[in-house]
Amino acid sequence: MGSFIRAFGSIFWAFLGVRKGSDREKDFESLNVVHVIVAGIISAALFVGLLMLIIHWIIPTHHS
């Protein structure tokens, strides 16, 4: 379970684009690839959902 949580942390830093090379190397060596893929898909879906909520909040849709 700890590896899965750490995978989310790694994905978070990857989204921000700020990560030390040494920390990235540690992630490559210690994290389970499946955990990283699943965490990446979940994180991307949450990110897109958040963007959609913000857009719908800023630009309300009016139906006639």
Protein backbone atom coordinates (compact mmCIF):
# COMPACT_ATOMS: atom_id res chain seq x y z
CA MET A 1 0.00 0.00 0.00
CA GLY A 2 2.89 2.36 0.75
CA SER A 3 4.25 1.95 -2.77
CA PHE A 4 0.85 2.92 -4.19
CA ILE A 5 0.73 6.09 -2.05
CA ARG A 6 4.31 6.95 -3.03
CA ALA A 7 3.32 6.46 -6.68
CA PHE A 8 0.71 9.21 -6.25
CA GLY A 9 3.40 11.48 -4.82
CA SER A 10 5.66 10.74 -7.76
CA ILE A 11 2.84 11.45 -10.22
CA PHE A 12 2.03 14.71 -8.41
CA TRP A 13 5.60 15.95 -8.77
CA ALA A 14 5.64 14.82 -12.40
CA PHE A 15 2.49 16.87 -13.09
CA LEU A 16 4.18 19.91 -11.57
CA GLY A 17 7.38 19.22 -13.46
CA VAL A 18 9.63 19.79 -10.45
CA ARG A 19 11.54 16.77 -9.23
CA LYS A 20 15.18 16.17 -8.38
CA GLY A 21 16.90 13.70 -10.65
CA SER A 22 18.05 11.63 -7.69
CA ASP A 23 14.49 11.35 -6.34
CA ARG A 24 13.21 10.38 -9.78
CA GLU A 25 15.86 7.66 -10.02
CA LYS A 26 14.83 6.30 -6.60
CA ASP A 27 11.22 6.18 -7.81
CA PHE A 28 12.24 4.21 -10.92
CA GLU A 29 14.09 1.70 -8.79
CA SER A 30 11.61 1.26 -5.94
CA LEU A 31 8.07 1.82 -7.27
CA ASN A 32 5.92 -0.86 -8.84
CA VAL A 33 5.19 -0.05 -12.49
CA VAL A 34 1.55 -1.12 -12.16
CA HIS A 35 1.08 1.24 -9.19
CA VAL A 36 2.56 4.13 -11.17
CA ILE A 37 0.31 3.44 -14.18
CA VAL A 38 -2.85 3.16 -12.06
CA ALA A 39 -1.92 6.26 -10.03
CA GLY A 40 -1.24 8.15 -13.27
CA ILE A 41 -4.60 7.21 -14.78
CA ILE A 42 -6.48 8.13 -11.59
CA SER A 43 -4.56 11.40 -11.24
CA ALA A 44 -5.18 12.35 -14.88
CA ALA A 45 -8.90 11.60 -14.53
CA LEU A 46 -9.11 13.71 -11.36
CA PHE A 47 -7.20 16.54 -13.05
CA VAL A 48 -9.50 16.53 -16.09
CA GLY A 49 -12.57 16.34 -13.84
CA LEU A 50 -11.34 19.28 -11.80
CA LEU A 51 -10.73 21.31 -14.96
CA MET A 52 -14.24 20.48 -16.19
CA LEU A 53 -15.75 21.59 -12.88
CA ILE A 54 -13.84 24.87 -13.01
CA ILE A 55 -14.93 25.50 -16.60
CA HIS A 56 -18.58 24.76 -15.80
CA TRP A 57 -18.36 27.05 -12.78
CA ILE A 58 -16.81 29.93 -14.77
CA ILE A 59 -18.91 29.51 -17.92
CA PRO A 60 -22.45 28.53 -16.91
CA THR A 61 -24.55 26.82 -19.55
CA HIS A 62 -27.97 28.27 -20.27
CA HIS A 63 -30.63 26.10 -21.87
CA SER A 64 -33.53 27.73 -23.70
